[in-house]
Amino acid sequence: MGIYIEKSSDPELYKDVYEEAQRLIRISDEIIVSVEKAEKTSTREKQSSKNETKIADLK
């Protein structure tokens, strides 16, 4: 689907449509990144996790 607008017959409309098309192209190329702060783990949880890994490696 499309529309046909002649720049010579309606320069203002042509400009508005062109700017909107450029905006749509620009936002479709944006990469959205979200960041979340992770909770700190306690030393005990870290040591427990390391011990579980060592036990799993022995099996």
Protein backbone atom coordinates (compact mmCIF):
# COMPACT_ATOMS: atom_id res chain seq x y z
CA MET A 1 0.00 0.00 0.00
CA GLY A 2 1.26 3.48 -0.65
CA ILE A 3 0.33 7.06 -1.29
CA TYR A 4 1.45 9.44 -4.01
CA ILE A 5 2.29 13.03 -3.12
CA GLU A 6 3.89 15.48 -5.50
CA LYS A 7 6.33 17.87 -3.92
CA SER A 8 5.47 20.53 -6.50
CA SER A 9 1.71 20.42 -5.84
CA ASP A 10 1.82 20.42 -1.99
CA PRO A 11 5.31 21.14 -0.55
CA GLU A 12 4.13 21.34 3.07
CA LEU A 13 2.33 17.98 2.99
CA TYR A 14 5.32 16.43 1.20
CA LYS A 15 7.67 17.75 3.93
CA ASP A 16 5.42 16.42 6.73
CA VAL A 17 5.13 12.97 5.15
CA TYR A 18 8.87 12.84 4.49
CA GLU A 19 9.69 13.76 8.10
CA GLU A 20 7.26 11.15 9.46
CA ALA A 21 8.75 8.49 7.20
CA GLN A 22 12.25 9.39 8.42
CA ARG A 23 11.07 9.21 12.04
CA LEU A 24 9.56 5.75 11.49
CA ILE A 25 12.76 4.51 9.88
CA ARG A 26 14.86 5.96 12.70
CA ILE A 27 12.84 4.39 15.53
CA SER A 28 12.67 1.01 13.79
CA ASP A 29 16.50 0.88 13.85
CA GLU A 30 16.85 1.75 17.53
CA ILE A 31 18.09 -0.86 19.93
CA ILE A 32 16.42 -0.81 23.30
CA VAL A 33 18.57 -1.84 26.23
CA SER A 34 17.22 -2.30 29.71
CA VAL A 35 19.38 -2.55 32.80
CA GLU A 36 18.42 -3.96 36.16
CA LYS A 37 20.47 -3.79 39.31
CA ALA A 38 21.21 -7.27 40.63
CA GLU A 39 20.90 -7.98 44.31
CA LYS A 40 24.13 -8.71 46.14
CA THR A 41 24.57 -12.29 47.25
CA SER A 42 25.95 -13.04 50.66
CA THR A 43 29.37 -14.64 51.15
CA ARG A 44 27.68 -17.78 52.48
CA GLU A 45 25.60 -18.14 49.30
CA LYS A 46 28.72 -17.72 47.16
CA GLN A 47 30.65 -20.35 49.14
CA SER A 48 27.69 -22.74 49.05
CA SER A 49 27.45 -22.34 45.29
CA LYS A 50 31.20 -23.04 44.89
CA ASN A 51 30.93 -26.17 47.07
CA GLU A 52 27.99 -27.46 45.02
CA THR A 53 30.01 -26.96 41.84
CA LYS A 54 32.99 -28.86 43.27
CA ILE A 55 30.73 -31.74 44.35
CA ALA A 56 29.10 -31.84 40.91
CA ASP A 57 32.54 -31.95 39.26
CA LEU A 58 33.50 -34.98 41.37
CA LYS A 59 30.51 -37.03 40.18
